[in-house]
Amino acid sequence: QLVESGGGLVQAGDSLRLSCAASIQTFTDLYMGWFRQAPGKEREFVASIGWSGTDDYYEDSVKGRFFISRDNVNHMVYLQMNSLKSEDTAIYYCAGDLNWGRLVHGINDYWGQGTQVTVSS
């Protein structure tokens, strides 16, 4: 129900935009977000956005570099990633839930399969 795309191999300092296509009828009611999991590490929260497209919230290490947005007409969520660093290398997952608290703690109802982002230094 959530399908990510847009990952790839880039160099440090480059930009990349991830997309998430949602086939969920209640999409416009959901808080949506992005998580990532680096090799050997636990999955961590990256960013979230409210149902209206406002109330975006970011993990500290990506503030000012990553920007989340959504298109409620086409049921899409995006993550614009700028000034990428090698430590941003991870599998990125799209996620959604009716409850923001559940979403940011990773206990949400909806998950995508992930897309790999590799940043070479």
PDB file of N, CA and C in Angstrom:
ATOM      1  N   GLN A   1       0.803  -1.206   0.000  1.00  0.00           N
ATOM      2  CA  GLN A   1       0.000   0.000   0.000  1.00  0.00           C
ATOM      3  C   GLN A   1       0.841   1.265   0.000  1.00  0.00           C
ATOM      4  N   LEU A   2       2.094   1.161   0.370  1.00  0.00           N
ATOM      5  CA  LEU A   2       3.038   2.258   0.270  1.00  0.00           C
ATOM      6  C   LEU A   2       4.216   1.760  -0.543  1.00  0.00           C
ATOM      7  N   VAL A   3       4.533   2.465  -1.616  1.00  0.00           N
ATOM      8  CA  VAL A   3       5.622   2.060  -2.496  1.00  0.00           C
ATOM      9  C   VAL A   3       6.574   3.228  -2.692  1.00  0.00           C
ATOM     10  N   GLU A   4       7.811   3.034  -2.238  1.00  0.00           N
ATOM     11  CA  GLU A   4       8.820   4.080  -2.358  1.00  0.00           C
ATOM     12  C   GLU A   4       9.575   3.955  -3.676  1.00  0.00           C
ATOM     13  N   SER A   5      10.118   5.073  -4.122  1.00  0.00           N
ATOM     14  CA  SER A   5      10.979   5.099  -5.297  1.00  0.00           C
ATOM     15  C   SER A   5      11.899   6.301  -5.197  1.00  0.00           C
ATOM     16  N   GLY A   6      12.916   6.312  -6.048  1.00  0.00           N
ATOM     17  CA  GLY A   6      13.798   7.467  -6.119  1.00  0.00           C
ATOM     18  C   GLY A   6      15.149   7.305  -5.464  1.00  0.00           C
ATOM     19  N   GLY A   7      15.369   6.169  -4.820  1.00  0.00           N
ATOM     20  CA  GLY A   7      16.668   5.957  -4.209  1.00  0.00           C
ATOM     21  C   GLY A   7      17.745   5.728  -5.255  1.00  0.00           C
ATOM     22  N   GLY A   8      18.997   5.709  -4.802  1.00  0.00           N
ATOM     23  CA  GLY A   8      20.097   5.475  -5.714  1.00  0.00           C
ATOM     24  C   GLY A   8      21.435   5.778  -5.083  1.00  0.00           C
ATOM     25  N   LEU A   9      22.453   5.786  -5.927  1.00  0.00           N
ATOM     26  CA  LEU A   9      23.819   6.084  -5.499  1.00  0.00           C
ATOM     27  C   LEU A   9      24.174   7.502  -5.923  1.00  0.00           C
ATOM     28  N   VAL A  10      24.545   8.326  -4.942  1.00  0.00           N
ATOM     29  CA  VAL A  10      24.916   9.707  -5.225  1.00  0.00           C
ATOM     30  C   VAL A  10      26.208  10.034  -4.472  1.00  0.00           C
ATOM     31  N   GLN A  11      26.770  11.177  -4.801  1.00  0.00           N
ATOM     32  CA  GLN A  11      27.968  11.624  -4.111  1.00  0.00           C
ATOM     33  C   GLN A  11      27.594  12.602  -2.996  1.00  0.00           C
ATOM     34  N   ALA A  12      28.475  12.701  -2.036  1.00  0.00           N
ATOM     35  CA  ALA A  12      28.261  13.649  -0.943  1.00  0.00           C
ATOM     36  C   ALA A  12      28.057  15.051  -1.508  1.00  0.00           C
ATOM     37  N   GLY A  13      27.056  15.749  -0.966  1.00  0.00           N
ATOM     38  CA  GLY A  13      26.727  17.078  -1.429  1.00  0.00           C
ATOM     39  C   GLY A  13      25.621  17.120  -2.462  1.00  0.00           C
ATOM     40  N   ASP A  14      25.306  15.975  -3.039  1.00  0.00           N
ATOM     41  CA  ASP A  14      24.244  15.896  -4.041  1.00  0.00           C
ATOM     42  C   ASP A  14      22.873  15.946  -3.393  1.00  0.00           C
ATOM     43  N   SER A  15      21.861  16.029  -4.246  1.00  0.00           N
ATOM     44  CA  SER A  15      20.467  16.010  -3.808  1.00  0.00           C
ATOM     45  C   SER A  15      19.756  14.812  -4.408  1.00  0.00           C
ATOM     46  N   LEU A  16      18.677  14.405  -3.745  1.00  0.00           N
ATOM     47  CA  LEU A  16      17.882  13.276  -4.194  1.00  0.00           C
ATOM     48  C   LEU A  16      16.467  13.492  -3.687  1.00  0.00           C
ATOM     49  N   ARG A  17      15.487  13.108  -4.479  1.00  0.00           N
ATOM     50  CA  ARG A  17      14.104  13.192  -4.025  1.00  0.00           C
ATOM     51  C   ARG A  17      13.479  11.808  -4.018  1.00  0.00           C
ATOM     52  N   LEU A  18      13.013  11.404  -2.869  1.00  0.00           N
ATOM     53  CA  LEU A  18      12.298  10.147  -2.725  1.00  0.00           C
ATOM     54  C   LEU A  18      10.799  10.392  -2.877  1.00  0.00           C
ATOM     55  N   SER A  19      10.138   9.398  -3.455  1.00  0.00           N
ATOM     56  CA  SER A  19       8.694   9.463  -3.610  1.00  0.00           C
ATOM     57  C   SER A  19       8.052   8.251  -2.954  1.00  0.00           C
ATOM     58  N   CYS A  20       6.834   8.441  -2.498  1.00  0.00           N
ATOM     59  CA  CYS A  20       6.063   7.357  -1.897  1.00  0.00           C
ATOM     60  C   CYS A  20       4.650   7.426  -2.446  1.00  0.00           C
ATOM     61  N   ALA A  21       4.246   6.375  -3.135  1.00  0.00           N
ATOM     62  CA  ALA A  21       2.893   6.289  -3.676  1.00  0.00           C
ATOM     63  C   ALA A  21       2.037   5.482  -2.721  1.00  0.00           C
ATOM     64  N   ALA A  22       0.915   6.060  -2.307  1.00  0.00           N
ATOM     65  CA  ALA A  22       0.047   5.420  -1.324  1.00  0.00           C
ATOM     66  C   ALA A  22      -1.261   4.998  -1.966  1.00  0.00           C
ATOM     67  N   SER A  23      -1.584   3.745  -1.787  1.00  0.00           N
ATOM     68  CA  SER A  23      -2.889   3.256  -2.238  1.00  0.00           C
ATOM     69  C   SER A  23      -3.712   2.932  -0.998  1.00  0.00           C
ATOM     70  N   ILE A  24      -4.040   3.984  -0.269  1.00  0.00           N
ATOM     71  CA  ILE A  24      -4.788   3.872   0.987  1.00  0.00           C
ATOM     72  C   ILE A  24      -5.964   4.829   0.900  1.00  0.00           C
ATOM     73  N   GLN A  25      -7.158   4.325   1.093  1.00  0.00           N
ATOM     74  CA  GLN A  25      -8.347   5.163   0.932  1.00  0.00           C
ATOM     75  C   GLN A  25      -8.373   6.317   1.920  1.00  0.00           C
ATOM     76  N   THR A  26      -7.850   6.079   3.112  1.00  0.00           N
ATOM     77  CA  THR A  26      -7.875   7.110   4.146  1.00  0.00           C
ATOM     78  C   THR A  26      -6.612   7.954   4.142  1.00  0.00           C
ATOM     79  N   PHE A  27      -5.918   8.000   3.010  1.00  0.00           N
ATOM     80  CA  PHE A  27      -4.623   8.686   2.938  1.00  0.00           C
ATOM     81  C   PHE A  27      -4.696  10.112   3.469  1.00  0.00           C
ATOM     82  N   THR A  28      -5.740  10.844   3.102  1.00  0.00           N
ATOM     83  CA  THR A  28      -5.823  12.245   3.493  1.00  0.00           C
ATOM     84  C   THR A  28      -6.061  12.430   4.986  1.00  0.00           C
ATOM     85  N   ASP A  29      -6.351  11.354   5.706  1.00  0.00           N
ATOM     86  CA  ASP A  29      -6.510  11.418   7.152  1.00  0.00           C
ATOM     87  C   ASP A  29      -5.221  11.083   7.898  1.00  0.00           C
ATOM     88  N   LEU A  30      -4.224  10.609   7.170  1.00  0.00           N
ATOM     89  CA  LEU A  30      -3.023  10.081   7.796  1.00  0.00           C
ATOM     90  C   LEU A  30      -1.922  11.109   7.987  1.00  0.00           C
ATOM     91  N   TYR A  31      -1.229  10.985   9.115  1.00  0.00           N
ATOM     92  CA  TYR A  31       0.087  11.586   9.222  1.00  0.00           C
ATOM     93  C   TYR A  31       1.031  10.676   8.438  1.00  0.00           C
ATOM     94  N   MET A  32       1.914  11.282   7.675  1.00  0.00           N
ATOM     95  CA  MET A  32       2.853  10.504   6.881  1.00  0.00           C
ATOM     96  C   MET A  32       4.281  10.850   7.289  1.00  0.00           C
ATOM     97  N   GLY A  33       5.171   9.905   7.074  1.00  0.00           N
ATOM     98  CA  GLY A  33       6.545  10.161   7.479  1.00  0.00           C
ATOM     99  C   GLY A  33       7.545   9.302   6.740  1.00  0.00           C
ATOM    100  N   TRP A  34       8.796   9.569   7.032  1.00  0.00           N
ATOM    101  CA  TRP A  34       9.911   8.795   6.494  1.00  0.00           C
ATOM    102  C   TRP A  34      10.787   8.339   7.648  1.00  0.00           C
ATOM    103  N   PHE A  35      11.243   7.107   7.531  1.00  0.00           N
ATOM    104  CA  PHE A  35      12.205   6.525   8.452  1.00  0.00           C
ATOM    105  C   PHE A  35      13.392   6.036   7.637  1.00  0.00           C
ATOM    106  N   ARG A  36      14.478   5.715   8.309  1.00  0.00           N
ATOM    107  CA  ARG A  36      15.620   5.115   7.626  1.00  0.00           C
ATOM    108  C   ARG A  36      16.314   4.124   8.536  1.00  0.00           C
ATOM    109  N   GLN A  37      16.978   3.165   7.903  1.00  0.00           N
ATOM    110  CA  GLN A  37      17.748   2.177   8.651  1.00  0.00           C
ATOM    111  C   GLN A  37      19.086   1.975   7.975  1.00  0.00           C
ATOM    112  N   ALA A  38      20.130   2.347   8.677  1.00  0.00           N
ATOM    113  CA  ALA A  38      21.489   2.166   8.180  1.00  0.00           C
ATOM    114  C   ALA A  38      21.982   0.765   8.556  1.00  0.00           C
ATOM    115  N   PRO A  39      22.964   0.254   7.844  1.00  0.00           N
ATOM    116  CA  PRO A  39      23.482  -1.092   8.149  1.00  0.00           C
ATOM    117  C   PRO A  39      23.935  -1.204   9.597  1.00  0.00           C
ATOM    118  N   GLY A  40      23.444  -2.235  10.270  1.00  0.00           N
ATOM    119  CA  GLY A  40      23.844  -2.479  11.642  1.00  0.00           C
ATOM    120  C   GLY A  40      23.190  -1.585  12.673  1.00  0.00           C
ATOM    121  N   LYS A  41      22.239  -0.745  12.238  1.00  0.00           N
ATOM    122  CA  LYS A  41      21.580   0.168  13.166  1.00  0.00           C
ATOM    123  C   LYS A  41      20.085  -0.051  13.161  1.00  0.00           C
ATOM    124  N   GLU A  42      19.433   0.474  14.190  1.00  0.00           N
ATOM    125  CA  GLU A  42      17.993   0.374  14.260  1.00  0.00           C
ATOM    126  C   GLU A  42      17.350   1.402  13.324  1.00  0.00           C
ATOM    127  N   ARG A  43      16.127   1.119  12.946  1.00  0.00           N
ATOM    128  CA  ARG A  43      15.384   2.064  12.119  1.00  0.00           C
ATOM    129  C   ARG A  43      15.102   3.321  12.929  1.00  0.00           C
ATOM    130  N   GLU A  44      15.266   4.487  12.300  1.00  0.00           N
ATOM    131  CA  GLU A  44      15.076   5.742  13.008  1.00  0.00           C
ATOM    132  C   GLU A  44      14.150   6.668  12.232  1.00  0.00           C
ATOM    133  N   PHE A  45      13.474   7.512  12.986  1.00  0.00           N
ATOM    134  CA  PHE A  45      12.569   8.503  12.419  1.00  0.00           C
ATOM    135  C   PHE A  45      13.365   9.575  11.696  1.00  0.00           C
ATOM    136  N   VAL A  46      12.857  10.042  10.548  1.00  0.00           N
ATOM    137  CA  VAL A  46      13.504  11.105   9.788  1.00  0.00           C
ATOM    138  C   VAL A  46      12.631  12.353   9.725  1.00  0.00           C
ATOM    139  N   ALA A  47      11.372  12.187   9.289  1.00  0.00           N
ATOM    140  CA  ALA A  47      10.519  13.361   9.107  1.00  0.00           C
ATOM    141  C   ALA A  47       9.056  12.932   9.097  1.00  0.00           C
ATOM    142  N   SER A  48       8.171  13.875   9.440  1.00  0.00           N
ATOM    143  CA  SER A  48       6.740  13.614   9.371  1.00  0.00           C
ATOM    144  C   SER A  48       6.029  14.866   8.873  1.00  0.00           C
ATOM    145  N   ILE A  49       4.788  14.660   8.409  1.00  0.00           N
ATOM    146  CA  ILE A  49       3.987  15.762   7.917  1.00  0.00           C
ATOM    147  C   ILE A  49       2.531  15.494   8.245  1.00  0.00           C
ATOM    148  N   GLY A  50       1.813  16.554   8.589  1.00  0.00           N
ATOM    149  CA  GLY A  50       0.414  16.418   8.928  1.00  0.00           C
ATOM    150  C   GLY A  50      -0.456  16.179   7.715  1.00  0.00           C
ATOM    151  N   TRP A  51      -1.713  15.846   7.974  1.00  0.00           N
ATOM    152  CA  TRP A  51      -2.607  15.478   6.880  1.00  0.00           C
ATOM    153  C   TRP A  51      -2.858  16.636   5.925  1.00  0.00           C
ATOM    154  N   SER A  52      -2.775  17.865   6.432  1.00  0.00           N
ATOM    155  CA  SER A  52      -3.049  19.027   5.588  1.00  0.00           C
ATOM    156  C   SER A  52      -1.816  19.514   4.835  1.00  0.00           C
ATOM    157  N   GLY A  53      -0.679  18.878   5.075  1.00  0.00           N
ATOM    158  CA  GLY A  53       0.548  19.304   4.418  1.00  0.00           C
ATOM    159  C   GLY A  53       1.364  20.286   5.223  1.00  0.00           C
ATOM    160  N   THR A  54       0.911  20.565   6.411  1.00  0.00           N
ATOM    161  CA  THR A  54       1.654  21.437   7.316  1.00  0.00           C
ATOM    162  C   THR A  54       2.168  20.605   8.477  1.00  0.00           C
ATOM    163  N   ASP A  55       2.656  21.264   9.503  1.00  0.00           N
ATOM    164  CA  ASP A  55       3.145  20.573  10.700  1.00  0.00           C
ATOM    165  C   ASP A  55       4.223  19.567  10.363  1.00  0.00           C
ATOM    166  N   ASP A  56       5.195  19.987   9.572  1.00  0.00           N
ATOM    167  CA  ASP A  56       6.311  19.080   9.302  1.00  0.00           C
ATOM    168  C   ASP A  56       7.278  19.098  10.490  1.00  0.00           C
ATOM    169  N   TYR A  57       7.919  17.977  10.673  1.00  0.00           N
ATOM    170  CA  TYR A  57       8.760  17.763  11.851  1.00  0.00           C
ATOM    171  C   TYR A  57       9.933  16.894  11.424  1.00  0.00           C
ATOM    172  N   TYR A  58      11.133  17.224  11.913  1.00  0.00           N
ATOM    173  CA  TYR A  58      12.347  16.562  11.441  1.00  0.00           C
ATOM    174  C   TYR A  58      13.246  16.105  12.579  1.00  0.00           C
ATOM    175  N   GLU A  59      13.932  15.030  12.312  1.00  0.00           N
ATOM    176  CA  GLU A  59      14.996  14.592  13.211  1.00  0.00           C
ATOM    177  C   GLU A  59      16.133  15.614  13.113  1.00  0.00           C
ATOM    178  N   ASP A  60      16.824  15.847  14.199  1.00  0.00           N
ATOM    179  CA  ASP A  60      17.788  16.946  14.264  1.00  0.00           C
ATOM    180  C   ASP A  60      18.854  16.893  13.173  1.00  0.00           C
ATOM    181  N   SER A  61      19.345  15.718  12.851  1.00  0.00           N
ATOM    182  CA  SER A  61      20.479  15.631  11.922  1.00  0.00           C
ATOM    183  C   SER A  61      20.114  15.984  10.484  1.00  0.00           C
ATOM    184  N   VAL A  62      18.815  16.047  10.178  1.00  0.00           N
ATOM    185  CA  VAL A  62      18.407  16.354   8.801  1.00  0.00           C
ATOM    186  C   VAL A  62      17.747  17.724   8.677  1.00  0.00           C
ATOM    187  N   LYS A  63      17.535  18.399   9.794  1.00  0.00           N
ATOM    188  CA  LYS A  63      16.901  19.722   9.755  1.00  0.00           C
ATOM    189  C   LYS A  63      17.681  20.674   8.860  1.00  0.00           C
ATOM    190  N   GLY A  64      16.944  21.362   7.989  1.00  0.00           N
ATOM    191  CA  GLY A  64      17.578  22.312   7.082  1.00  0.00           C
ATOM    192  C   GLY A  64      18.127  21.683   5.822  1.00  0.00           C
ATOM    193  N   ARG A  65      18.170  20.363   5.770  1.00  0.00           N
ATOM    194  CA  ARG A  65      18.664  19.649   4.564  1.00  0.00           C
ATOM    195  C   ARG A  65      17.571  18.834   3.890  1.00  0.00           C
ATOM    196  N   PHE A  66      16.703  18.235   4.691  1.00  0.00           N
ATOM    197  CA  PHE A  66      15.627  17.393   4.169  1.00  0.00           C
ATOM    198  C   PHE A  66      14.294  18.135   4.316  1.00  0.00           C
ATOM    199  N   PHE A  67      13.409  17.904   3.337  1.00  0.00           N
ATOM    200  CA  PHE A  67      12.107  18.550   3.373  1.00  0.00           C
ATOM    201  C   PHE A  67      11.046  17.558   2.927  1.00  0.00           C
ATOM    202  N   ILE A  68      10.026  17.389   3.752  1.00  0.00           N
ATOM    203  CA  ILE A  68       8.946  16.464   3.450  1.00  0.00           C
ATOM    204  C   ILE A  68       7.760  17.240   2.904  1.00  0.00           C
ATOM    205  N   SER A  69       7.057  16.638   1.945  1.00  0.00           N
ATOM    206  CA  SER A  69       5.862  17.251   1.391  1.00  0.00           C
ATOM    207  C   SER A  69       4.898  16.151   0.975  1.00  0.00           C
ATOM    208  N   ARG A  70       3.670  16.549   0.685  1.00  0.00           N
ATOM    209  CA  ARG A  70       2.672  15.560   0.266  1.00  0.00           C
ATOM    210  C   ARG A  70       1.745  16.162  -0.773  1.00  0.00           C
ATOM    211  N   ASP A  71       1.165  15.290  -1.572  1.00  0.00           N
ATOM    212  CA  ASP A  71       0.174  15.654  -2.587  1.00  0.00           C
ATOM    213  C   ASP A  71      -1.060  14.820  -2.307  1.00  0.00           C
ATOM    214  N   ASN A  72      -2.058  15.430  -1.707  1.00  0.00           N
ATOM    215  CA  ASN A  72      -3.250  14.675  -1.306  1.00  0.00           C
ATOM    216  C   ASN A  72      -4.144  14.318  -2.484  1.00  0.00           C
ATOM    217  N   VAL A  73      -3.984  14.991  -3.595  1.00  0.00           N
ATOM    218  CA  VAL A  73      -4.781  14.650  -4.782  1.00  0.00           C
ATOM    219  C   VAL A  73      -4.287  13.338  -5.378  1.00  0.00           C
ATOM    220  N   ASN A  74      -2.983  13.206  -5.483  1.00  0.00           N
ATOM    221  CA  ASN A  74      -2.391  12.018  -6.104  1.00  0.00           C
ATOM    222  C   ASN A  74      -1.889  10.992  -5.096  1.00  0.00           C
ATOM    223  N   HIS A  75      -2.138  11.243  -3.817  1.00  0.00           N
ATOM    224  CA  HIS A  75      -1.732  10.306  -2.767  1.00  0.00           C
ATOM    225  C   HIS A  75      -0.236  10.014  -2.818  1.00  0.00           C
ATOM    226  N   MET A  76       0.536  11.085  -2.787  1.00  0.00           N
ATOM    227  CA  MET A  76       1.983  10.950  -2.832  1.00  0.00           C
ATOM    228  C   MET A  76       2.625  11.670  -1.651  1.00  0.00           C
ATOM    229  N   VAL A  77       3.756  11.156  -1.232  1.00  0.00           N
ATOM    230  CA  VAL A  77       4.579  11.803  -0.213  1.00  0.00           C
ATOM    231  C   VAL A  77       6.002  11.876  -0.758  1.00  0.00           C
ATOM    232  N   TYR A  78       6.670  12.973  -0.480  1.00  0.00           N
ATOM    233  CA  TYR A  78       8.012  13.170  -1.010  1.00  0.00           C
ATOM    234  C   TYR A  78       8.988  13.508   0.113  1.00  0.00           C
ATOM    235  N   LEU A  79      10.246  13.166  -0.127  1.00  0.00           N
ATOM    236  CA  LEU A  79      11.313  13.596   0.767  1.00  0.00           C
ATOM    237  C   LEU A  79      12.427  14.166  -0.097  1.00  0.00           C
ATOM    238  N   GLN A  80      12.566  15.468  -0.070  1.00  0.00           N
ATOM    239  CA  GLN A  80      13.654  16.133  -0.774  1.00  0.00           C
ATOM    240  C   GLN A  80      14.868  16.152   0.135  1.00  0.00           C
ATOM    241  N   MET A  81      15.951  15.566  -0.335  1.00  0.00           N
ATOM    242  CA  MET A  81      17.157  15.447   0.475  1.00  0.00           C
ATOM    243  C   MET A  81      18.283  16.236  -0.211  1.00  0.00           C
ATOM    244  N   ASN A  82      18.767  17.239   0.460  1.00  0.00           N
ATOM    245  CA  ASN A  82      19.838  18.090  -0.069  1.00  0.00           C
ATOM    246  C   ASN A  82      21.101  17.938   0.772  1.00  0.00           C
ATOM    247  N   SER A  83      22.202  18.343   0.193  1.00  0.00           N
ATOM    248  CA  SER A  83      23.495  18.304   0.904  1.00  0.00           C
ATOM    249  C   SER A  83      23.717  16.957   1.569  1.00  0.00           C
ATOM    250  N   LEU A  84      23.543  15.914   0.808  1.00  0.00           N
ATOM    251  CA  LEU A  84      23.621  14.565   1.366  1.00  0.00           C
ATOM    252  C   LEU A  84      25.016  14.264   1.889  1.00  0.00           C
ATOM    253  N   LYS A  85      25.043  13.488   2.967  1.00  0.00           N
ATOM    254  CA  LYS A  85      26.282  13.089   3.619  1.00  0.00           C
ATOM    255  C   LYS A  85      26.377  11.567   3.619  1.00  0.00           C
ATOM    256  N   SER A  86      27.577  11.053   3.808  1.00  0.00           N
ATOM    257  CA  SER A  86      27.754   9.603   3.817  1.00  0.00           C
ATOM    258  C   SER A  86      26.921   8.959   4.927  1.00  0.00           C
ATOM    259  N   GLU A  87      26.737   9.684   6.036  1.00  0.00           N
ATOM    260  CA  GLU A  87      25.947   9.125   7.141  1.00  0.00           C
ATOM    261  C   GLU A  87      24.452   9.078   6.845  1.00  0.00           C
ATOM    262  N   ASP A  88      24.030   9.631   5.705  1.00  0.00           N
ATOM    263  CA  ASP A  88      22.627   9.501   5.292  1.00  0.00           C
ATOM    264  C   ASP A  88      22.381   8.185   4.560  1.00  0.00           C
ATOM    265  N   THR A  89      23.425   7.423   4.305  1.00  0.00           N
ATOM    266  CA  THR A  89      23.278   6.132   3.640  1.00  0.00           C
ATOM    267  C   THR A  89      22.412   5.209   4.474  1.00  0.00           C
ATOM    268  N   ALA A  90      21.343   4.700   3.860  1.00  0.00           N
ATOM    269  CA  ALA A  90      20.388   3.861   4.587  1.00  0.00           C
ATOM    270  C   ALA A  90      19.299   3.406   3.621  1.00  0.00           C
ATOM    271  N   ILE A  91      18.488   2.490   4.101  1.00  0.00           N
ATOM    272  CA  ILE A  91      17.230   2.180   3.423  1.00  0.00           C
ATOM    273  C   ILE A  91      16.188   3.138   3.986  1.00  0.00           C
ATOM    274  N   TYR A  92      15.476   3.814   3.117  1.00  0.00           N
ATOM    275  CA  TYR A  92      14.464   4.786   3.527  1.00  0.00           C
ATOM    276  C   TYR A  92      13.076   4.198   3.338  1.00  0.00           C
ATOM    277  N   TYR A  93      12.283   4.325   4.399  1.00  0.00           N
ATOM    278  CA  TYR A  93      10.940   3.768   4.415  1.00  0.00           C
ATOM    279  C   TYR A  93       9.892   4.867   4.550  1.00  0.00           C
ATOM    280  N   CYS A  94       8.826   4.717   3.788  1.00  0.00           N
ATOM    281  CA  CYS A  94       7.662   5.576   3.924  1.00  0.00           C
ATOM    282  C   CYS A  94       6.734   4.948   4.958  1.00  0.00           C
ATOM    283  N   ALA A  95       6.059   5.778   5.734  1.00  0.00           N
ATOM    284  CA  ALA A  95       5.204   5.268   6.794  1.00  0.00           C
ATOM    285  C   ALA A  95       4.002   6.183   6.988  1.00  0.00           C
ATOM    286  N   GLY A  96       2.929   5.618   7.558  1.00  0.00           N
ATOM    287  CA  GLY A  96       1.749   6.419   7.799  1.00  0.00           C
ATOM    288  C   GLY A  96       0.930   5.905   8.954  1.00  0.00           C
ATOM    289  N   ASP A  97       0.203   6.800   9.614  1.00  0.00           N
ATOM    290  CA  ASP A  97      -0.678   6.418  10.713  1.00  0.00           C
ATOM    291  C   ASP A  97      -1.665   7.540  10.988  1.00  0.00           C
ATOM    292  N   LEU A  98      -2.782   7.193  11.578  1.00  0.00           N
ATOM    293  CA  LEU A  98      -3.773   8.188  11.982  1.00  0.00           C
ATOM    294  C   LEU A  98      -3.307   9.011  13.177  1.00  0.00           C
ATOM    295  N   ASN A  99      -2.380   8.459  13.931  1.00  0.00           N
ATOM    296  CA  ASN A  99      -1.906   9.086  15.157  1.00  0.00           C
ATOM    297  C   ASN A  99      -0.452   9.508  15.007  1.00  0.00           C
ATOM    298  N   TRP A 100      -0.165  10.784  15.227  1.00  0.00           N
ATOM    299  CA  TRP A 100       1.203  11.282  15.050  1.00  0.00           C
ATOM    300  C   TRP A 100       2.168  10.645  16.035  1.00  0.00           C
ATOM    301  N   GLY A 101       1.723  10.456  17.261  1.00  0.00           N
ATOM    302  CA  GLY A 101       2.596   9.848  18.262  1.00  0.00           C
ATOM    303  C   GLY A 101       3.015   8.438  17.875  1.00  0.00           C
ATOM    304  N   ARG A 102       2.065   7.669  17.381  1.00  0.00           N
ATOM    305  CA  ARG A 102       2.386   6.315  16.927  1.00  0.00           C
ATOM    306  C   ARG A 102       3.334   6.371  15.744  1.00  0.00           C
ATOM    307  N   LEU A 103       3.122   7.295  14.847  1.00  0.00           N
ATOM    308  CA  LEU A 103       3.969   7.409  13.663  1.00  0.00           C
ATOM    309  C   LEU A 103       5.417   7.686  14.049  1.00  0.00           C
ATOM    310  N   VAL A 104       5.649   8.712  14.815  1.00  0.00           N
ATOM    311  CA  VAL A 104       7.041   9.103  15.084  1.00  0.00           C
ATOM    312  C   VAL A 104       7.776   8.081  15.949  1.00  0.00           C
ATOM    313  N   HIS A 105       7.034   7.227  16.630  1.00  0.00           N
ATOM    314  CA  HIS A 105       7.666   6.162  17.401  1.00  0.00           C
ATOM    315  C   HIS A 105       7.746   4.858  16.632  1.00  0.00           C
ATOM    316  N   GLY A 106       7.359   4.895  15.386  1.00  0.00           N
ATOM    317  CA  GLY A 106       7.533   3.737  14.537  1.00  0.00           C
ATOM    318  C   GLY A 106       6.596   2.585  14.813  1.00  0.00           C
ATOM    319  N   ILE A 107       5.452   2.861  15.424  1.00  0.00           N
ATOM    320  CA  ILE A 107       4.485   1.798  15.683  1.00  0.00           C
ATOM    321  C   ILE A 107       3.224   2.060  14.863  1.00  0.00           C
ATOM    322  N   ASN A 108       3.434   2.589  13.699  1.00  0.00           N
ATOM    323  CA  ASN A 108       2.348   2.970  12.810  1.00  0.00           C
ATOM    324  C   ASN A 108       1.799   1.779  12.041  1.00  0.00           C
ATOM    325  N   ASP A 109       0.638   2.016  11.416  1.00  0.00           N
ATOM    326  CA  ASP A 109      -0.079   0.952  10.724  1.00  0.00           C
ATOM    327  C   ASP A 109       0.499   0.624   9.357  1.00  0.00           C
ATOM    328  N   TYR A 110       1.076   1.613   8.683  1.00  0.00           N
ATOM    329  CA  TYR A 110       1.466   1.433   7.286  1.00  0.00           C
ATOM    330  C   TYR A 110       2.963   1.628   7.091  1.00  0.00           C
ATOM    331  N   TRP A 111       3.563   0.690   6.334  1.00  0.00           N
ATOM    332  CA  TRP A 111       4.989   0.750   5.988  1.00  0.00           C
ATOM    333  C   TRP A 111       5.176   0.397   4.523  1.00  0.00           C
ATOM    334  N   GLY A 112       6.144   1.047   3.902  1.00  0.00           N
ATOM    335  CA  GLY A 112       6.569   0.630   2.583  1.00  0.00           C
ATOM    336  C   GLY A 112       7.688  -0.387   2.687  1.00  0.00           C
ATOM    337  N   GLN A 113       8.172  -0.841   1.541  1.00  0.00           N
ATOM    338  CA  GLN A 113       9.229  -1.845   1.500  1.00  0.00           C
ATOM    339  C   GLN A 113      10.620  -1.233   1.553  1.00  0.00           C
ATOM    340  N   GLY A 114      10.721   0.045   1.310  1.00  0.00           N
ATOM    341  CA  GLY A 114      12.003   0.730   1.424  1.00  0.00           C
ATOM    342  C   GLY A 114      12.693   0.952   0.086  1.00  0.00           C
ATOM    343  N   THR A 115      13.518   1.984   0.053  1.00  0.00           N
ATOM    344  CA  THR A 115      14.346   2.272  -1.108  1.00  0.00           C
ATOM    345  C   THR A 115      15.748   2.636  -0.620  1.00  0.00           C
ATOM    346  N   GLN A 116      16.751   2.088  -1.277  1.00  0.00           N
ATOM    347  CA  GLN A 116      18.131   2.258  -0.826  1.00  0.00           C
ATOM    348  C   GLN A 116      18.698   3.593  -1.294  1.00  0.00           C
ATOM    349  N   VAL A 117      19.294   4.308  -0.362  1.00  0.00           N
ATOM    350  CA  VAL A 117      20.035   5.532  -0.671  1.00  0.00           C
ATOM    351  C   VAL A 117      21.474   5.313  -0.221  1.00  0.00           C
ATOM    352  N   THR A 118      22.403   5.469  -1.143  1.00  0.00           N
ATOM    353  CA  THR A 118      23.810   5.323  -0.834  1.00  0.00           C
ATOM    354  C   THR A 118      24.534   6.600  -1.221  1.00  0.00           C
ATOM    355  N   VAL A 119      25.229   7.177  -0.251  1.00  0.00           N
ATOM    356  CA  VAL A 119      25.957   8.421  -0.475  1.00  0.00           C
ATOM    357  C   VAL A 119      27.447   8.123  -0.365  1.00  0.00           C
ATOM    358  N   SER A 120      28.157   8.310  -1.439  1.00  0.00           N
ATOM    359  CA  SER A 120      29.590   8.040  -1.430  1.00  0.00           C
ATOM    360  C   SER A 120      30.346   9.313  -1.117  1.00  0.00           C
ATOM    361  N   SER A 121      31.419   9.163  -0.348  1.00  0.00           N
ATOM    362  CA  SER A 121      32.221  10.321   0.007  1.00  0.00           C
ATOM    363  C   SER A 121      33.486  10.374  -0.843  1.00  0.00           C
TER     364      SER A 121
END
